[in-house]
Protein backbone atom coordinates (compact mmCIF):
# COMPACT_ATOMS: atom_id res chain seq x y z
CA MET A 1 0.00 0.00 0.00
CA GLN A 2 1.00 3.65 -0.29
CA ALA A 3 1.66 5.96 2.63
CA ILE A 4 3.44 9.17 3.57
CA THR A 5 6.50 8.32 5.65
CA VAL A 6 9.15 10.19 7.61
CA ARG A 7 12.67 8.88 8.31
CA ASP A 8 14.84 11.78 9.43
CA ARG A 9 13.75 13.95 12.37
CA ASN A 10 16.14 16.72 11.36
CA ALA A 11 14.89 16.90 7.78
CA GLY A 12 11.44 18.28 8.59
CA ILE A 13 8.97 18.18 5.73
CA ALA A 14 11.86 17.63 3.29
CA GLY A 15 12.10 14.14 4.78
CA MET A 16 8.46 13.28 4.01
CA SER A 17 7.82 11.04 1.02
CA LEU A 18 5.09 8.96 -0.58
CA MET A 19 6.21 5.35 -0.80
CA ASP A 20 5.08 1.75 -0.73
CA VAL A 21 4.98 0.26 2.77
CA PRO A 22 3.80 -3.10 4.14
CA TYR A 23 0.09 -3.61 4.74
CA PRO A 24 -0.59 -3.18 8.49
CA HIS A 25 -1.10 -6.04 10.93
CA ALA A 26 -4.26 -6.15 13.03
CA ALA A 27 -3.22 -6.88 16.61
CA GLU A 28 -5.64 -8.03 19.30
CA ASN A 29 -8.59 -5.61 19.61
CA ASP A 30 -7.48 -3.77 16.45
CA VAL A 31 -9.28 -3.12 13.22
CA ILE A 32 -7.79 -2.35 9.82
CA VAL A 33 -9.40 0.71 8.28
CA ARG A 34 -9.30 1.62 4.62
CA VAL A 35 -8.73 5.34 5.05
CA HIS A 36 -10.95 7.63 3.01
CA ALA A 37 -9.91 10.94 4.59
CA ALA A 38 -7.26 11.88 7.15
CA GLY A 39 -6.39 14.86 9.31
CA PHE A 40 -3.01 15.89 10.69
CA THR A 41 -1.34 18.42 12.97
CA ARG A 42 1.51 20.43 11.45
CA GLY A 43 3.52 20.25 14.66
CA GLU A 44 3.50 16.48 14.92
CA LEU A 45 6.89 16.14 13.25
CA ASP A 46 8.24 17.59 16.50
CA TRP A 47 6.44 15.06 18.71
CA PRO A 48 8.68 12.34 20.19
CA ALA A 49 5.96 9.75 19.54
CA THR A 50 6.27 10.35 15.79
CA TRP A 51 9.73 8.83 15.93
CA THR A 52 9.71 6.27 18.76
CA ASP A 53 7.40 3.66 20.24
CA ARG A 54 6.18 3.54 23.84
CA ALA A 55 9.49 2.03 24.94
CA GLY A 56 11.47 4.84 23.34
CA ARG A 57 12.77 2.69 20.46
CA ASP A 58 13.18 4.13 17.00
CA ARG A 59 10.23 3.16 14.77
CA THR A 60 11.08 4.93 11.52
CA PRO A 61 10.05 4.97 8.78
CA SER A 62 6.85 6.05 10.47
CA VAL A 63 3.54 7.27 9.07
CA PRO A 64 2.25 10.60 10.47
CA GLY A 65 -1.38 11.73 10.81
CA HIS A 66 -3.74 10.64 13.59
CA GLU A 67 -7.27 11.54 12.50
CA LEU A 68 -9.17 9.34 10.10
CA SER A 69 -12.48 8.50 8.57
CA GLY A 70 -12.93 5.33 6.56
CA VAL A 71 -14.31 1.80 6.38
CA VAL A 72 -13.39 -1.27 8.45
CA VAL A 73 -11.92 -4.00 6.24
CA GLU A 74 -10.48 -6.42 8.83
CA LEU A 75 -10.93 -7.31 12.50
CA GLY A 76 -8.11 -8.35 14.83
CA TYR A 77 -8.46 -11.22 17.26
CA GLY A 78 -10.97 -10.49 20.03
CA THR A 79 -12.24 -7.27 18.45
CA THR A 80 -15.84 -6.45 19.32
CA GLY A 81 -18.16 -3.51 18.76
CA LEU A 82 -17.32 -2.95 15.09
CA SER A 83 -17.84 -4.97 11.92
CA VAL A 84 -16.28 -5.35 8.48
CA GLY A 85 -17.78 -2.84 6.05
CA GLN A 86 -18.71 -0.37 8.79
CA ARG A 87 -18.01 3.35 8.32
CA VAL A 88 -15.95 4.70 11.24
CA PHE A 89 -13.96 7.73 12.32
CA GLY A 90 -11.62 8.48 15.20
CA LEU A 91 -8.06 8.75 16.51
CA ALA A 92 -5.05 6.58 15.74
CA ASP A 93 -2.54 5.84 18.49
CA TRP A 94 0.20 8.48 18.90
CA THR A 95 3.04 5.91 18.97
CA ARG A 96 1.94 3.75 16.01
CA ASN A 97 1.80 4.38 12.30
CA GLY A 98 -0.84 6.95 11.54
CA THR A 99 -3.49 7.79 9.02
CA LEU A 100 -1.70 9.27 6.00
CA ALA A 101 -1.90 5.86 4.38
CA GLU A 102 -4.32 3.79 2.35
CA TYR A 103 -4.81 1.43 5.31
CA THR A 104 -4.05 1.74 9.01
CA ALA A 105 -4.41 -0.39 12.14
CA VAL A 106 -6.35 1.26 14.97
CA GLU A 107 -7.63 0.08 18.34
CA ALA A 108 -11.36 -0.47 17.96
CA ARG A 109 -12.10 1.48 21.14
CA ASN A 110 -10.64 4.63 19.54
CA LEU A 111 -13.21 4.60 16.73
CA ALA A 112 -16.89 5.51 16.56
CA PRO A 113 -19.50 4.54 13.96
CA LEU A 114 -19.94 7.18 11.27
CA PRO A 115 -23.49 7.86 10.03
CA ALA A 116 -23.97 7.36 6.29
CA ASP A 117 -24.99 10.99 5.75
CA ILE A 118 -21.75 12.52 7.05
CA ASP A 119 -19.00 12.84 4.46
CA HIS A 120 -15.60 11.37 5.30
CA THR A 121 -13.91 14.74 4.77
CA VAL A 122 -16.16 16.31 7.41
CA ALA A 123 -15.68 13.41 9.82
CA ALA A 124 -11.90 13.66 9.55
CA THR A 125 -12.00 17.19 10.98
CA LEU A 126 -13.65 16.05 14.22
CA PRO A 127 -11.42 13.66 16.20
CA ILE A 128 -8.68 15.97 17.47
CA SER A 129 -10.45 19.34 17.17
CA GLY A 130 -13.80 18.12 18.46
CA LEU A 131 -12.50 16.05 21.35
CA THR A 132 -9.98 18.74 22.32
CA ALA A 133 -12.69 21.40 22.36
CA TRP A 134 -15.05 19.27 24.47
CA GLN A 135 -12.44 18.03 26.94
CA GLY A 136 -10.92 21.50 27.34
CA LEU A 137 -14.22 23.27 27.96
CA PHE A 138 -16.13 20.73 30.03
CA ASP A 139 -13.88 17.96 31.38
CA HIS A 140 -11.08 20.32 32.44
CA GLY A 141 -12.64 23.80 32.38
CA ARG A 142 -15.97 22.74 33.92
CA LEU A 143 -17.76 25.39 31.85
CA ALA A 144 -21.44 25.84 32.72
CA ALA A 145 -24.40 27.88 31.54
CA GLY A 146 -24.18 31.57 32.43
CA GLN A 147 -20.40 31.59 32.71
CA THR A 148 -17.95 33.46 30.49
CA VAL A 149 -15.29 31.68 28.44
CA LEU A 150 -12.40 33.29 26.55
CA ILE A 151 -11.36 31.15 23.57
CA HIS A 152 -8.08 31.92 21.86
CA GLY A 153 -7.93 31.14 18.16
CA ALA A 154 -11.71 31.28 17.97
CA ALA A 155 -11.83 30.82 14.19
CA GLY A 156 -9.36 27.92 14.09
CA GLY A 157 -9.93 24.18 14.03
CA VAL A 158 -10.26 23.70 17.79
CA GLY A 159 -11.48 27.19 18.58
CA SER A 160 -14.34 27.22 16.09
CA ILE A 161 -15.78 24.02 17.54
CA ALA A 162 -15.22 25.26 21.10
CA VAL A 163 -17.17 28.45 20.31
CA GLN A 164 -20.14 26.46 19.03
CA LEU A 165 -20.14 24.07 21.99
CA ALA A 166 -19.84 26.90 24.50
CA ARG A 167 -22.69 28.82 22.91
CA GLU A 168 -24.91 25.75 22.95
CA VAL A 169 -24.58 25.34 26.73
CA GLY A 170 -25.45 29.00 27.29
CA ALA A 171 -22.02 30.51 28.00
CA ARG A 172 -20.92 34.00 27.04
CA VAL A 173 -18.03 33.72 24.59
CA ILE A 174 -15.08 36.05 24.07
CA GLY A 175 -12.99 35.07 21.06
CA THR A 176 -9.53 36.12 19.99
CA GLY A 177 -7.56 35.90 16.75
CA ARG A 178 -6.32 38.02 13.91
CA ALA A 179 -8.28 40.76 12.15
CA SER A 180 -9.04 38.39 9.27
CA ASP A 181 -10.71 36.01 11.75
CA ARG A 182 -13.20 38.54 13.11
CA ASP A 183 -16.09 37.96 10.69
CA ARG A 184 -15.93 34.20 10.97
CA ALA A 185 -15.68 34.31 14.77
CA LEU A 186 -18.69 36.61 14.99
CA ALA A 187 -20.64 34.36 12.63
CA LEU A 188 -19.88 31.40 14.90
CA GLY A 189 -21.45 33.28 17.79
CA VAL A 190 -18.75 35.01 19.84
CA ASP A 191 -20.15 37.90 21.84
CA THR A 192 -16.90 39.88 21.76
CA PHE A 193 -13.86 39.54 19.50
CA ILE A 194 -10.34 40.70 20.37
CA ASP A 195 -7.84 41.23 17.54
CA LEU A 196 -4.58 40.13 19.16
CA GLN A 197 -2.55 42.16 16.64
CA THR A 198 -4.15 45.53 17.26
CA GLU A 199 -6.16 45.31 20.50
CA LYS A 200 -5.16 44.66 24.10
CA LEU A 201 -5.92 41.18 25.37
CA GLU A 202 -6.43 42.62 28.84
CA ASP A 203 -9.46 44.56 27.52
CA ALA A 204 -11.32 41.25 27.26
CA GLY A 205 -12.03 41.31 30.99
CA GLU A 206 -12.28 38.34 33.32
CA ALA A 207 -13.54 34.91 32.35
CA ASP A 208 -14.51 31.78 34.25
CA VAL A 209 -12.61 29.68 31.72
CA VAL A 210 -9.76 30.71 29.44
CA PHE A 211 -9.07 28.15 26.69
CA ASP A 212 -5.63 28.59 25.11
CA VAL A 213 -4.37 27.02 21.87
CA ILE A 214 -1.56 29.54 21.22
CA GLY A 215 0.90 29.35 24.12
CA GLY A 216 3.84 31.67 24.69
CA ASP A 217 3.18 35.25 25.76
CA ILE A 218 -0.57 34.90 25.16
CA LEU A 219 -0.72 31.98 27.58
CA ASP A 220 1.30 33.87 30.19
CA ARG A 221 -0.92 36.97 29.98
CA SER A 222 -4.09 34.91 30.03
CA ALA A 223 -3.55 33.83 33.64
CA ALA A 224 -4.47 37.31 34.85
CA LEU A 225 -7.84 37.08 33.08
CA VAL A 226 -9.06 34.06 35.04
CA ARG A 227 -11.82 34.99 37.46
CA ALA A 228 -11.51 33.81 41.08
CA GLY A 229 -12.35 30.11 41.16
CA GLY A 230 -11.92 29.82 37.38
CA THR A 231 -9.64 27.75 35.17
CA LEU A 232 -6.93 28.38 32.60
CA VAL A 233 -6.86 25.46 30.15
CA THR A 234 -4.13 25.02 27.53
CA ILE A 235 -3.12 22.35 25.01
CA VAL A 236 0.27 23.90 24.22
CA MET A 237 2.48 23.56 27.29
CA PRO A 238 2.31 23.54 31.10
CA PRO A 239 1.59 27.16 32.10
CA LYS A 240 4.48 29.06 33.66
CA VAL A 241 2.15 31.72 35.10
CA GLN A 242 -0.66 30.56 37.36
CA PRO A 243 -4.00 32.31 37.92
CA LYS A 244 -3.99 34.13 41.25
CA ASP A 245 -7.17 32.51 42.58
CA GLY A 246 -7.85 29.73 40.10
CA ARG A 247 -6.55 26.56 38.47
CA ALA A 248 -4.30 25.96 35.47
CA VAL A 249 -4.58 22.77 33.41
CA PHE A 250 -2.43 21.48 30.56
CA PHE A 251 -3.80 18.43 28.80
CA VAL A 252 -3.37 16.20 25.76
CA VAL A 253 -6.53 15.06 24.01
CA GLU A 254 -7.67 11.49 24.71
CA PRO A 255 -9.75 9.15 22.53
CA ASP A 256 -13.41 8.88 23.51
CA ARG A 257 -15.77 6.77 21.41
CA ALA A 258 -18.95 7.96 23.13
CA ARG A 259 -18.03 11.63 22.74
CA LEU A 260 -17.13 11.13 19.07
CA ALA A 261 -20.58 9.63 18.51
CA ASP A 262 -22.12 12.62 20.27
CA LEU A 263 -20.18 15.04 18.06
CA ALA A 264 -21.37 13.18 14.96
CA THR A 265 -24.95 13.50 16.16
CA ARG A 266 -24.49 17.25 16.59
CA VAL A 267 -23.16 17.49 13.02
CA ARG A 268 -26.17 15.55 11.69
CA ASP A 269 -28.55 17.79 13.61
CA GLY A 270 -26.91 20.94 12.30
CA ARG A 271 -25.87 22.04 15.80
CA LEU A 272 -22.17 21.73 14.97
CA LYS A 273 -20.53 22.79 11.72
CA PRO A 274 -16.86 21.79 11.34
CA PHE A 275 -14.82 24.05 9.08
CA VAL A 276 -13.33 22.00 6.24
CA GLY A 277 -10.62 23.91 4.44
CA ALA A 278 -8.50 22.60 1.59
CA VAL A 279 -8.92 18.96 0.55
CA ARG A 280 -5.75 17.55 -1.00
CA PRO A 281 -4.68 14.13 -2.34
CA LEU A 282 -2.25 11.91 -0.45
CA ALA A 283 0.67 12.83 -2.71
CA GLU A 284 0.30 16.49 -1.66
CA ALA A 285 0.37 15.81 2.08
CA PRO A 286 4.01 16.95 2.53
CA ALA A 287 3.19 20.30 0.96
CA ALA A 288 0.17 20.61 3.27
CA PHE A 289 2.50 20.35 6.28
CA ALA A 290 4.62 23.26 5.10
CA PRO A 291 4.47 26.47 7.14
CA GLY A 292 3.50 29.53 5.21
CA LYS A 293 0.33 31.32 4.22
CA ARG A 294 -2.54 30.75 6.64
CA THR A 295 -5.45 28.95 5.05
CA PRO A 296 -8.95 29.00 6.55
CA GLY A 297 -10.36 25.77 7.94
CA LYS A 298 -8.75 22.42 8.57
CA THR A 299 -6.82 20.87 5.70
CA ILE A 300 -7.93 17.29 5.00
CA ILE A 301 -6.10 14.66 2.99
CA ARG A 302 -8.46 12.71 0.73
CA ILE A 303 -7.05 9.21 0.27
CA THR A 304 -9.89 7.06 -1.08
CA GLU A 305 -13.02 8.21 -2.85
CA ASP A 306 -16.36 7.09 -1.39
């Protein structure tokens, strides 16, 4: 089968190539998925798990990408809950070969059934962004109706879903981003938008939950905006500056089959609208990783046509 692989950690995207690799093996409780669409995170070439297994051993050439939508073609020994021919979407393990491939092996528990009326390209935007948004707001931030949440990167992949989820539970939403993000953030439902390039973050006022996806100076300054008893949540790095009278949480998204199914239901009902950006073929995946001009929405790699 064909897959995008990486061999040299120092080479960056120049070390990514499309090549033939062995068909994956379905271990116990695994399924093999024929991947129709895959998502990725540009920073994952810097993740240790891209290069080593759980024991720290080199596992190159490795296949990046960890979000997928596709069809089950094989069941591993002891696998239950899914069947051959079933449409699924979800997260691949961080320390195993990923989803930028025609086929990939995934633990069945990391996948959820995908309704027939949701396109694979839409489903592939949900696993990391959707689960991150939910876990950040509610599992870690404990956001509730009537509270105020400040969401950095409100028009981005994670932020745009977080805005919609927060609005649905009845929270007041402050969004941040660049000037070019303002219209989209307002359309998603933010009550107030702060342009981080031209406006002062501190003018946003206090919030019960601050959800950070940027890090650096923005993360440091955000601690002062957390209301007493509130929470600063970030997915970038452990915060160096703590809220004076609140909590600070750094977390890495975790698979959750039940929550994925819930997100799919929200998409079907029209309550959640993921933002699909460019859709590119597998051969163009290395170029999609390249830093450069910002493109709206989440870039999806289309691998197999429906």
